[in-house]
Amino acid sequence: MNRGVWYAAGAYVLWGLLPIFWKALAHVPTLEILAHRVVWALVVALLLVALRGGWRWIGQALRNRRVVGVFVLTAILLSFNWGLYIWSVNNNHVVEASLGYFINPLVNVFLGVVFLRERLRPGQALAIVVALAGVSFLTITYGTPPWIALILAGSFGLYGLLRKTASLGSLEGFTLETMAMFVPAFVFLVFVELSTGGAFWHMGPWTTLLLVASGAATAAPLLLFAAGARLVTMTTLGVLQYIAPTLQFLLGVFLYGEALSPERLTGFVIVWIALVIYTIEGVISSGRAARARRAEVVP
């Protein structure tokens, strides 16, 4: 099997299993977990940049106001997304959070049409309509929209949109984002330490170890994904991306015992049908594009 498939699949498996990690820190306030995640993720990022020996880009990036502005915005979106996801996991909303990452590919398509003027193919349009039907069904049956799922999908979709227009690579962009988040995160941790004592060192060595490990838990799947994305097609990534929300959904239902009524399951099934349509359409479209490229080079 292609080495890139293993890398990408490994990234999505790690993302899918992250609820287990955050549940182990459920006794720590969400904002404190988020702040530690930012601080230790930056430590990991800087170590990786040091190993690669490429520091020149930092000065160039910081002198470019547009680059700084974009990555400040992506840092805000990413920290909000991270914080909401951690809160969702530790307040027994793993299933709804998984819905956000199921519909995220369709949100990306919608944002591409709205902001990048990308052309919407018929199959993509059908998938979005079916997904909207699923979300509408969940809204009607529960009396309220699945806000957690919608906000997670929307914030991560906007994050991806901004990163798509950025000029830095994966590791460099991640480093700049965590640098932007570091100061408020560190100030918050100092405040917590001076006011209430915080969790670090005060809740036992296991909690301290997990808080430090949150940096590696954040960076590892990102690095695997970056390595895999260079070696596989976008179609393959499009199929593999459902590993993460599927694992999250299964963990929520079978490990954490979250309620899954027939109505809620029906709404998820409608969304899954939309994703099947989207995936099949993507595979067919990629195949046609590949055949067209081969036809162009044939003498």
C-alpha atoms as a PDB file:
ATOM      1  CA  MET A   1       0.000   0.000   0.000  1.00  0.00           C
ATOM      2  CA  ASN A   2       1.163   3.548  -0.726  1.00  0.00           C
ATOM      3  CA  ARG A   3       3.185   4.924   2.201  1.00  0.00           C
ATOM      4  CA  GLY A   4       1.180   8.140   1.965  1.00  0.00           C
ATOM      5  CA  VAL A   5      -2.045   6.242   2.642  1.00  0.00           C
ATOM      6  CA  TRP A   6      -0.595   4.918   5.895  1.00  0.00           C
ATOM      7  CA  TYR A   7       0.508   8.397   6.933  1.00  0.00           C
ATOM      8  CA  ALA A   8      -2.850  10.000   6.128  1.00  0.00           C
ATOM      9  CA  ALA A   9      -4.856   7.148   7.661  1.00  0.00           C
ATOM     10  CA  GLY A  10      -2.687   7.350  10.782  1.00  0.00           C
ATOM     11  CA  ALA A  11      -3.437  11.057  11.072  1.00  0.00           C
ATOM     12  CA  TYR A  12      -7.179  10.520  10.821  1.00  0.00           C
ATOM     13  CA  VAL A  13      -7.079   7.620  13.306  1.00  0.00           C
ATOM     14  CA  LEU A  14      -5.260   9.816  15.830  1.00  0.00           C
ATOM     15  CA  TRP A  15      -7.783  12.615  15.305  1.00  0.00           C
ATOM     16  CA  GLY A  16     -10.588  10.095  15.703  1.00  0.00           C
ATOM     17  CA  LEU A  17      -9.180   8.839  19.010  1.00  0.00           C
ATOM     18  CA  LEU A  18      -8.579  12.298  20.500  1.00  0.00           C
ATOM     19  CA  PRO A  19     -11.803  12.154  22.575  1.00  0.00           C
ATOM     20  CA  ILE A  20     -10.123   9.494  24.740  1.00  0.00           C
ATOM     21  CA  PHE A  21      -7.251  11.882  25.420  1.00  0.00           C
ATOM     22  CA  TRP A  22      -9.489  14.842  26.307  1.00  0.00           C
ATOM     23  CA  LYS A  23     -11.762  12.671  28.461  1.00  0.00           C
ATOM     24  CA  ALA A  24      -8.713  11.780  30.554  1.00  0.00           C
ATOM     25  CA  LEU A  25      -8.436  15.515  31.321  1.00  0.00           C
ATOM     26  CA  ALA A  26     -12.146  16.051  31.997  1.00  0.00           C
ATOM     27  CA  HIS A  27     -11.387  17.126  35.574  1.00  0.00           C
ATOM     28  CA  VAL A  28      -9.427  20.136  34.238  1.00  0.00           C
ATOM     29  CA  PRO A  29     -11.341  23.257  33.049  1.00  0.00           C
ATOM     30  CA  THR A  30     -11.618  23.531  29.274  1.00  0.00           C
ATOM     31  CA  LEU A  31      -9.826  26.885  28.991  1.00  0.00           C
ATOM     32  CA  GLU A  32      -6.915  25.557  31.009  1.00  0.00           C
ATOM     33  CA  ILE A  33      -6.625  22.470  28.780  1.00  0.00           C
ATOM     34  CA  LEU A  34      -6.763  24.709  25.705  1.00  0.00           C
ATOM     35  CA  ALA A  35      -4.055  27.036  27.042  1.00  0.00           C
ATOM     36  CA  HIS A  36      -1.748  24.112  27.820  1.00  0.00           C
ATOM     37  CA  ARG A  37      -2.439  22.648  24.393  1.00  0.00           C
ATOM     38  CA  VAL A  38      -1.322  25.891  22.752  1.00  0.00           C
ATOM     39  CA  VAL A  39       1.819  26.282  24.885  1.00  0.00           C
ATOM     40  CA  TRP A  40       3.067  22.720  24.482  1.00  0.00           C
ATOM     41  CA  ALA A  41       2.099  22.581  20.800  1.00  0.00           C
ATOM     42  CA  LEU A  42       4.338  25.607  20.230  1.00  0.00           C
ATOM     43  CA  VAL A  43       7.186  23.867  22.062  1.00  0.00           C
ATOM     44  CA  VAL A  44       6.814  20.847  19.770  1.00  0.00           C
ATOM     45  CA  ALA A  45       6.570  23.038  16.678  1.00  0.00           C
ATOM     46  CA  LEU A  46       9.720  24.988  17.566  1.00  0.00           C
ATOM     47  CA  LEU A  47      11.627  21.761  18.213  1.00  0.00           C
ATOM     48  CA  LEU A  48      10.600  20.448  14.796  1.00  0.00           C
ATOM     49  CA  VAL A  49      11.586  23.705  13.108  1.00  0.00           C
ATOM     50  CA  ALA A  50      14.949  23.526  14.891  1.00  0.00           C
ATOM     51  CA  LEU A  51      15.498  19.948  13.699  1.00  0.00           C
ATOM     52  CA  ARG A  52      14.790  21.041  10.146  1.00  0.00           C
ATOM     53  CA  GLY A  53      17.147  23.983  10.567  1.00  0.00           C
ATOM     54  CA  GLY A  54      14.898  26.400   8.704  1.00  0.00           C
ATOM     55  CA  TRP A  55      14.476  29.604  10.724  1.00  0.00           C
ATOM     56  CA  ARG A  56      14.765  32.154   7.918  1.00  0.00           C
ATOM     57  CA  TRP A  57      11.078  32.001   7.051  1.00  0.00           C
ATOM     58  CA  ILE A  58      10.045  33.380  10.476  1.00  0.00           C
ATOM     59  CA  GLY A  59      11.603  36.793   9.911  1.00  0.00           C
ATOM     60  CA  GLN A  60      10.237  36.981   6.383  1.00  0.00           C
ATOM     61  CA  ALA A  61       6.740  36.047   7.562  1.00  0.00           C
ATOM     62  CA  LEU A  62       6.692  38.530  10.450  1.00  0.00           C
ATOM     63  CA  ARG A  63       7.705  41.366   8.115  1.00  0.00           C
ATOM     64  CA  ASN A  64       4.722  40.615   5.847  1.00  0.00           C
ATOM     65  CA  ARG A  65       1.614  42.275   7.316  1.00  0.00           C
ATOM     66  CA  ARG A  66      -0.745  40.246   5.178  1.00  0.00           C
ATOM     67  CA  VAL A  67       0.794  36.948   6.297  1.00  0.00           C
ATOM     68  CA  VAL A  68       0.700  38.033   9.943  1.00  0.00           C
ATOM     69  CA  GLY A  69      -2.921  39.156   9.604  1.00  0.00           C
ATOM     70  CA  VAL A  70      -4.028  35.901   7.988  1.00  0.00           C
ATOM     71  CA  PHE A  71      -2.345  33.755  10.618  1.00  0.00           C
ATOM     72  CA  VAL A  72      -3.703  35.823  13.491  1.00  0.00           C
ATOM     73  CA  LEU A  73      -7.179  35.130  12.093  1.00  0.00           C
ATOM     74  CA  THR A  74      -6.444  31.414  11.606  1.00  0.00           C
ATOM     75  CA  ALA A  75      -5.066  31.280  15.154  1.00  0.00           C
ATOM     76  CA  ILE A  76      -8.306  32.746  16.520  1.00  0.00           C
ATOM     77  CA  LEU A  77     -10.429  30.302  14.519  1.00  0.00           C
ATOM     78  CA  LEU A  78      -8.249  27.339  15.462  1.00  0.00           C
ATOM     79  CA  SER A  79      -8.209  28.169  19.186  1.00  0.00           C
ATOM     80  CA  PHE A  80     -12.005  28.594  19.138  1.00  0.00           C
ATOM     81  CA  ASN A  81     -12.414  25.280  17.297  1.00  0.00           C
ATOM     82  CA  TRP A  82     -10.063  23.476  19.681  1.00  0.00           C
ATOM     83  CA  GLY A  83     -11.755  24.922  22.741  1.00  0.00           C
ATOM     84  CA  LEU A  84     -15.271  24.067  21.613  1.00  0.00           C
ATOM     85  CA  TYR A  85     -14.244  20.529  20.684  1.00  0.00           C
ATOM     86  CA  ILE A  86     -12.591  19.905  24.064  1.00  0.00           C
ATOM     87  CA  TRP A  87     -15.662  21.297  25.832  1.00  0.00           C
ATOM     88  CA  SER A  88     -17.954  19.131  23.678  1.00  0.00           C
ATOM     89  CA  VAL A  89     -16.042  15.948  24.467  1.00  0.00           C
ATOM     90  CA  ASN A  90     -15.898  16.605  28.195  1.00  0.00           C
ATOM     91  CA  ASN A  91     -19.580  17.559  28.368  1.00  0.00           C
ATOM     92  CA  ASN A  92     -20.834  14.409  26.614  1.00  0.00           C
ATOM     93  CA  HIS A  93     -21.393  15.801  23.116  1.00  0.00           C
ATOM     94  CA  VAL A  94     -18.949  13.565  21.247  1.00  0.00           C
ATOM     95  CA  VAL A  95     -21.624  12.331  18.824  1.00  0.00           C
ATOM     96  CA  GLU A  96     -22.749  15.831  17.873  1.00  0.00           C
ATOM     97  CA  ALA A  97     -19.137  16.949  17.534  1.00  0.00           C
ATOM     98  CA  SER A  98     -18.534  14.059  15.129  1.00  0.00           C
ATOM     99  CA  LEU A  99     -21.423  15.352  12.993  1.00  0.00           C
ATOM    100  CA  GLY A 100     -19.495  18.607  12.586  1.00  0.00           C
ATOM    101  CA  TYR A 101     -16.554  16.807  11.040  1.00  0.00           C
ATOM    102  CA  PHE A 102     -18.815  14.636   8.894  1.00  0.00           C
ATOM    103  CA  ILE A 103     -20.341  17.712   7.261  1.00  0.00           C
ATOM    104  CA  ASN A 104     -17.080  19.704   7.168  1.00  0.00           C
ATOM    105  CA  PRO A 105     -16.183  18.597   3.577  1.00  0.00           C
ATOM    106  CA  LEU A 106     -19.532  19.896   2.340  1.00  0.00           C
ATOM    107  CA  VAL A 107     -19.034  23.156   4.236  1.00  0.00           C
ATOM    108  CA  ASN A 108     -15.656  23.481   2.505  1.00  0.00           C
ATOM    109  CA  VAL A 109     -17.331  23.101  -0.891  1.00  0.00           C
ATOM    110  CA  PHE A 110     -19.946  25.716   0.022  1.00  0.00           C
ATOM    111  CA  LEU A 111     -17.294  28.196   1.217  1.00  0.00           C
ATOM    112  CA  GLY A 112     -15.277  27.615  -1.949  1.00  0.00           C
ATOM    113  CA  VAL A 113     -18.291  28.540  -4.060  1.00  0.00           C
ATOM    114  CA  VAL A 114     -19.132  31.627  -1.992  1.00  0.00           C
ATOM    115  CA  PHE A 115     -15.659  33.083  -1.421  1.00  0.00           C
ATOM    116  CA  LEU A 116     -13.442  31.611  -4.145  1.00  0.00           C
ATOM    117  CA  ARG A 117     -16.085  31.572  -6.906  1.00  0.00           C
ATOM    118  CA  GLU A 118     -15.455  27.864  -7.475  1.00  0.00           C
ATOM    119  CA  ARG A 119     -17.919  26.136  -9.767  1.00  0.00           C
ATOM    120  CA  LEU A 120     -20.379  23.826  -8.035  1.00  0.00           C
ATOM    121  CA  ARG A 121     -20.787  20.508  -9.843  1.00  0.00           C
ATOM    122  CA  PRO A 122     -24.271  18.908  -9.907  1.00  0.00           C
ATOM    123  CA  GLY A 123     -23.206  16.033  -7.659  1.00  0.00           C
ATOM    124  CA  GLN A 124     -21.768  18.443  -5.115  1.00  0.00           C
ATOM    125  CA  ALA A 125     -24.946  20.523  -5.179  1.00  0.00           C
ATOM    126  CA  LEU A 126     -27.054  17.401  -4.594  1.00  0.00           C
ATOM    127  CA  ALA A 127     -24.829  16.354  -1.678  1.00  0.00           C
ATOM    128  CA  ILE A 128     -25.167  19.776  -0.042  1.00  0.00           C
ATOM    129  CA  VAL A 129     -28.966  19.741  -0.459  1.00  0.00           C
ATOM    130  CA  VAL A 130     -29.212  16.249   1.086  1.00  0.00           C
ATOM    131  CA  ALA A 131     -26.930  17.281   3.972  1.00  0.00           C
ATOM    132  CA  LEU A 132     -29.091  20.346   4.601  1.00  0.00           C
ATOM    133  CA  ALA A 133     -32.101  18.027   4.691  1.00  0.00           C
ATOM    134  CA  GLY A 134     -30.362  15.935   7.348  1.00  0.00           C
ATOM    135  CA  VAL A 135     -29.479  18.966   9.460  1.00  0.00           C
ATOM    136  CA  SER A 136     -33.035  20.304   9.039  1.00  0.00           C
ATOM    137  CA  PHE A 137     -34.448  16.943  10.158  1.00  0.00           C
ATOM    138  CA  LEU A 138     -32.274  17.029  13.288  1.00  0.00           C
ATOM    139  CA  THR A 139     -33.386  20.609  13.949  1.00  0.00           C
ATOM    140  CA  ILE A 140     -37.087  19.760  13.612  1.00  0.00           C
ATOM    141  CA  THR A 141     -36.943  16.581  15.694  1.00  0.00           C
ATOM    142  CA  TYR A 142     -34.875  18.159  18.489  1.00  0.00           C
ATOM    143  CA  GLY A 143     -36.364  21.639  18.339  1.00  0.00           C
ATOM    144  CA  THR A 144     -32.953  23.261  17.955  1.00  0.00           C
ATOM    145  CA  PRO A 145     -30.186  23.153  15.349  1.00  0.00           C
ATOM    146  CA  PRO A 146     -27.119  21.003  16.119  1.00  0.00           C
ATOM    147  CA  TRP A 147     -25.171  24.124  17.071  1.00  0.00           C
ATOM    148  CA  ILE A 148     -22.013  22.355  18.194  1.00  0.00           C
ATOM    149  CA  ALA A 149     -21.715  20.491  14.903  1.00  0.00           C
ATOM    150  CA  LEU A 150     -22.484  23.572  12.813  1.00  0.00           C
ATOM    151  CA  ILE A 151     -20.032  25.811  14.687  1.00  0.00           C
ATOM    152  CA  LEU A 152     -17.249  23.218  14.582  1.00  0.00           C
ATOM    153  CA  ALA A 153     -17.759  22.676  10.850  1.00  0.00           C
ATOM    154  CA  GLY A 154     -18.049  26.385  10.125  1.00  0.00           C
ATOM    155  CA  SER A 155     -15.017  27.467  12.152  1.00  0.00           C
ATOM    156  CA  PHE A 156     -12.816  24.722  10.724  1.00  0.00           C
ATOM    157  CA  GLY A 157     -14.114  25.422   7.225  1.00  0.00           C
ATOM    158  CA  LEU A 158     -13.221  29.115   7.525  1.00  0.00           C
ATOM    159  CA  TYR A 159      -9.854  28.126   8.958  1.00  0.00           C
ATOM    160  CA  GLY A 160      -9.201  25.907   5.935  1.00  0.00           C
ATOM    161  CA  LEU A 161     -10.319  28.665   3.577  1.00  0.00           C
ATOM    162  CA  LEU A 162      -7.833  31.133   5.066  1.00  0.00           C
ATOM    163  CA  ARG A 163      -5.030  28.589   5.155  1.00  0.00           C
ATOM    164  CA  LYS A 164      -5.681  27.831   1.485  1.00  0.00           C
ATOM    165  CA  THR A 165      -4.810  31.433   0.647  1.00  0.00           C
ATOM    166  CA  ALA A 166      -1.746  31.533   2.923  1.00  0.00           C
ATOM    167  CA  SER A 167       1.791  31.243   1.602  1.00  0.00           C
ATOM    168  CA  LEU A 168       3.425  29.155   4.345  1.00  0.00           C
ATOM    169  CA  GLY A 169       3.810  25.387   4.515  1.00  0.00           C
ATOM    170  CA  SER A 170       2.081  23.141   7.028  1.00  0.00           C
ATOM    171  CA  LEU A 171       4.705  23.173   9.801  1.00  0.00           C
ATOM    172  CA  GLU A 172       5.584  26.834   9.293  1.00  0.00           C
ATOM    173  CA  GLY A 173       1.932  27.888   9.351  1.00  0.00           C
ATOM    174  CA  PHE A 174       1.215  25.787  12.440  1.00  0.00           C
ATOM    175  CA  THR A 175       4.221  27.328  14.193  1.00  0.00           C
ATOM    176  CA  LEU A 176       3.109  30.865  13.371  1.00  0.00           C
ATOM    177  CA  GLU A 177      -0.442  30.118  14.544  1.00  0.00           C
ATOM    178  CA  THR A 178       0.708  28.724  17.880  1.00  0.00           C
ATOM    179  CA  MET A 179       3.062  31.704  18.270  1.00  0.00           C
ATOM    180  CA  ALA A 180       0.054  34.007  17.832  1.00  0.00           C
ATOM    181  CA  MET A 181      -1.908  32.049  20.444  1.00  0.00           C
ATOM    182  CA  PHE A 182       0.984  31.655  22.883  1.00  0.00           C
ATOM    183  CA  VAL A 183       0.948  35.014  24.681  1.00  0.00           C
ATOM    184  CA  PRO A 184      -2.755  35.000  25.724  1.00  0.00           C
ATOM    185  CA  ALA A 185      -2.509  31.291  26.582  1.00  0.00           C
ATOM    186  CA  PHE A 186       0.605  31.762  28.735  1.00  0.00           C
ATOM    187  CA  VAL A 187      -0.802  34.853  30.461  1.00  0.00           C
ATOM    188  CA  PHE A 188      -3.979  32.915  31.258  1.00  0.00           C
ATOM    189  CA  LEU A 189      -1.996  30.011  32.739  1.00  0.00           C
ATOM    190  CA  VAL A 190       0.053  32.396  34.896  1.00  0.00           C
ATOM    191  CA  PHE A 191      -3.169  34.046  36.091  1.00  0.00           C
ATOM    192  CA  VAL A 192      -4.717  30.675  36.951  1.00  0.00           C
ATOM    193  CA  GLU A 193      -1.571  29.565  38.762  1.00  0.00           C
ATOM    194  CA  LEU A 194      -1.452  32.720  40.891  1.00  0.00           C
ATOM    195  CA  SER A 195      -5.195  32.812  41.627  1.00  0.00           C
ATOM    196  CA  THR A 196      -6.400  29.224  42.066  1.00  0.00           C
ATOM    197  CA  GLY A 197      -3.307  27.060  41.668  1.00  0.00           C
ATOM    198  CA  GLY A 198      -4.279  25.505  38.338  1.00  0.00           C
ATOM    199  CA  ALA A 199      -3.918  21.869  37.345  1.00  0.00           C
ATOM    200  CA  PHE A 200      -0.228  21.807  36.435  1.00  0.00           C
ATOM    201  CA  TRP A 201       1.682  20.092  39.298  1.00  0.00           C
ATOM    202  CA  HIS A 202      -1.349  20.475  41.585  1.00  0.00           C
ATOM    203  CA  MET A 203      -3.494  17.578  40.317  1.00  0.00           C
ATOM    204  CA  GLY A 204      -0.895  14.857  40.284  1.00  0.00           C
ATOM    205  CA  PRO A 205       1.856  13.729  37.912  1.00  0.00           C
ATOM    206  CA  TRP A 206      -0.546  11.966  35.518  1.00  0.00           C
ATOM    207  CA  THR A 207      -2.519  15.140  34.854  1.00  0.00           C
ATOM    208  CA  THR A 208       0.698  17.119  34.420  1.00  0.00           C
ATOM    209  CA  LEU A 209       2.034  14.528  31.962  1.00  0.00           C
ATOM    210  CA  LEU A 210      -1.180  14.621  29.929  1.00  0.00           C
ATOM    211  CA  LEU A 211      -1.139  18.412  29.770  1.00  0.00           C
ATOM    212  CA  VAL A 212       2.433  18.370  28.479  1.00  0.00           C
ATOM    213  CA  ALA A 213       1.570  15.558  26.030  1.00  0.00           C
ATOM    214  CA  SER A 214      -1.284  17.635  24.588  1.00  0.00           C
ATOM    215  CA  GLY A 215       1.325  19.378  22.439  1.00  0.00           C
ATOM    216  CA  ALA A 216       2.462  16.135  20.860  1.00  0.00           C
ATOM    217  CA  ALA A 217      -1.148  14.931  20.569  1.00  0.00           C
ATOM    218  CA  THR A 218      -1.854  18.082  18.571  1.00  0.00           C
ATOM    219  CA  ALA A 219       1.252  18.074  16.376  1.00  0.00           C
ATOM    220  CA  ALA A 220       1.564  14.348  15.564  1.00  0.00           C
ATOM    221  CA  PRO A 221      -1.570  13.958  13.399  1.00  0.00           C
ATOM    222  CA  LEU A 222      -0.862  17.270  11.651  1.00  0.00           C
ATOM    223  CA  LEU A 223       2.620  16.093  10.673  1.00  0.00           C
ATOM    224  CA  LEU A 224       1.357  12.690   9.534  1.00  0.00           C
ATOM    225  CA  PHE A 225      -1.331  14.378   7.478  1.00  0.00           C
ATOM    226  CA  ALA A 226       1.174  16.776   5.891  1.00  0.00           C
ATOM    227  CA  ALA A 227       3.435  13.860   4.967  1.00  0.00           C
ATOM    228  CA  GLY A 228       0.571  11.776   3.586  1.00  0.00           C
ATOM    229  CA  ALA A 229      -1.054  14.607   1.645  1.00  0.00           C
ATOM    230  CA  ARG A 230       2.092  14.967  -0.466  1.00  0.00           C
ATOM    231  CA  LEU A 231       2.025  11.306  -1.477  1.00  0.00           C
ATOM    232  CA  VAL A 232      -1.648  10.556  -2.208  1.00  0.00           C
ATOM    233  CA  THR A 233      -4.353  12.040  -4.389  1.00  0.00           C
ATOM    234  CA  MET A 234      -7.039  14.400  -3.117  1.00  0.00           C
ATOM    235  CA  THR A 235      -9.590  11.698  -3.927  1.00  0.00           C
ATOM    236  CA  THR A 236      -7.858   9.308  -1.543  1.00  0.00           C
ATOM    237  CA  LEU A 237      -7.726  11.973   1.149  1.00  0.00           C
ATOM    238  CA  GLY A 238     -11.412  12.654   0.531  1.00  0.00           C
ATOM    239  CA  VAL A 239     -12.250   9.042   1.362  1.00  0.00           C
ATOM    240  CA  LEU A 240      -9.852   8.727   4.304  1.00  0.00           C
ATOM    241  CA  GLN A 241     -11.125  11.893   5.989  1.00  0.00           C
ATOM    242  CA  TYR A 242     -14.229  10.069   7.227  1.00  0.00           C
ATOM    243  CA  ILE A 243     -12.107   7.827   9.464  1.00  0.00           C
ATOM    244  CA  ALA A 244     -11.870  10.513  12.161  1.00  0.00           C
ATOM    245  CA  PRO A 245     -15.564  11.407  12.597  1.00  0.00           C
ATOM    246  CA  THR A 246     -16.539   7.726  12.286  1.00  0.00           C
ATOM    247  CA  LEU A 247     -14.244   6.816  15.186  1.00  0.00           C
ATOM    248  CA  GLN A 248     -15.554   9.781  17.181  1.00  0.00           C
ATOM    249  CA  PHE A 249     -19.146   8.711  16.530  1.00  0.00           C
ATOM    250  CA  LEU A 250     -18.415   5.117  17.585  1.00  0.00           C
ATOM    251  CA  LEU A 251     -16.630   6.273  20.737  1.00  0.00           C
ATOM    252  CA  GLY A 252     -19.525   8.546  21.657  1.00  0.00           C
ATOM    253  CA  VAL A 253     -22.141   5.832  21.231  1.00  0.00           C
ATOM    254  CA  PHE A 254     -20.386   2.663  22.384  1.00  0.00           C
ATOM    255  CA  LEU A 255     -17.671   3.804  24.808  1.00  0.00           C
ATOM    256  CA  TYR A 256     -19.268   6.856  26.402  1.00  0.00           C
ATOM    257  CA  GLY A 257     -22.898   5.759  26.070  1.00  0.00           C
ATOM    258  CA  GLU A 258     -24.291   8.959  24.577  1.00  0.00           C
ATOM    259  CA  ALA A 259     -27.962   8.783  23.620  1.00  0.00           C
ATOM    260  CA  LEU A 260     -28.743   7.967  19.993  1.00  0.00           C
ATOM    261  CA  SER A 261     -32.495   8.025  19.468  1.00  0.00           C
ATOM    262  CA  PRO A 262     -34.065   6.704  16.239  1.00  0.00           C
ATOM    263  CA  GLU A 263     -34.749  10.306  15.169  1.00  0.00           C
ATOM    264  CA  ARG A 264     -31.161  11.343  15.742  1.00  0.00           C
ATOM    265  CA  LEU A 265     -29.850   8.275  13.930  1.00  0.00           C
ATOM    266  CA  THR A 266     -32.153   9.051  10.988  1.00  0.00           C
ATOM    267  CA  GLY A 267     -30.674  12.549  10.740  1.00  0.00           C
ATOM    268  CA  PHE A 268     -27.154  11.102  10.738  1.00  0.00           C
ATOM    269  CA  VAL A 269     -28.108   8.574   8.051  1.00  0.00           C
ATOM    270  CA  ILE A 270     -29.360  11.377   5.795  1.00  0.00           C
ATOM    271  CA  VAL A 271     -26.045  13.197   6.271  1.00  0.00           C
ATOM    272  CA  TRP A 272     -24.142   9.965   5.536  1.00  0.00           C
ATOM    273  CA  ILE A 273     -26.116   9.563   2.300  1.00  0.00           C
ATOM    274  CA  ALA A 274     -25.022  13.082   1.357  1.00  0.00           C
ATOM    275  CA  LEU A 275     -21.401  12.120   2.033  1.00  0.00           C
ATOM    276  CA  VAL A 276     -21.715   8.983  -0.100  1.00  0.00           C
ATOM    277  CA  ILE A 277     -23.041  11.126  -2.969  1.00  0.00           C
ATOM    278  CA  TYR A 278     -20.216  13.637  -2.446  1.00  0.00           C
ATOM    279  CA  THR A 279     -17.530  10.935  -2.333  1.00  0.00           C
ATOM    280  CA  ILE A 280     -18.775   9.037  -5.383  1.00  0.00           C
ATOM    281  CA  GLU A 281     -19.098  12.276  -7.341  1.00  0.00           C
ATOM    282  CA  GLY A 282     -15.546  13.215  -6.348  1.00  0.00           C
ATOM    283  CA  VAL A 283     -14.134   9.851  -7.462  1.00  0.00           C
ATOM    284  CA  ILE A 284     -15.967  10.041 -10.810  1.00  0.00           C
ATOM    285  CA  SER A 285     -14.890  13.652 -11.364  1.00  0.00           C
ATOM    286  CA  SER A 286     -11.245  12.860 -10.554  1.00  0.00           C
ATOM    287  CA  GLY A 287     -11.318   9.901 -12.926  1.00  0.00           C
ATOM    288  CA  ARG A 288     -12.654  12.052 -15.743  1.00  0.00           C
ATOM    289  CA  ALA A 289     -10.013  14.709 -15.094  1.00  0.00           C
ATOM    290  CA  ALA A 290      -7.237  12.096 -15.104  1.00  0.00           C
ATOM    291  CA  ARG A 291      -8.457  10.628 -18.395  1.00  0.00           C
ATOM    292  CA  ALA A 292      -8.636  14.113 -19.916  1.00  0.00           C
ATOM    293  CA  ARG A 293      -5.035  14.834 -18.865  1.00  0.00           C
ATOM    294  CA  ARG A 294      -3.842  11.539 -20.366  1.00  0.00           C
ATOM    295  CA  ALA A 295      -5.687  12.310 -23.598  1.00  0.00           C
ATOM    296  CA  GLU A 296      -3.920  15.663 -23.852  1.00  0.00           C
ATOM    297  CA  VAL A 297      -0.447  14.105 -23.756  1.00  0.00           C
ATOM    298  CA  VAL A 298      -1.186  11.364 -26.265  1.00  0.00           C
ATOM    299  CA  PRO A 299       0.396  12.379 -29.649  1.00  0.00           C
END
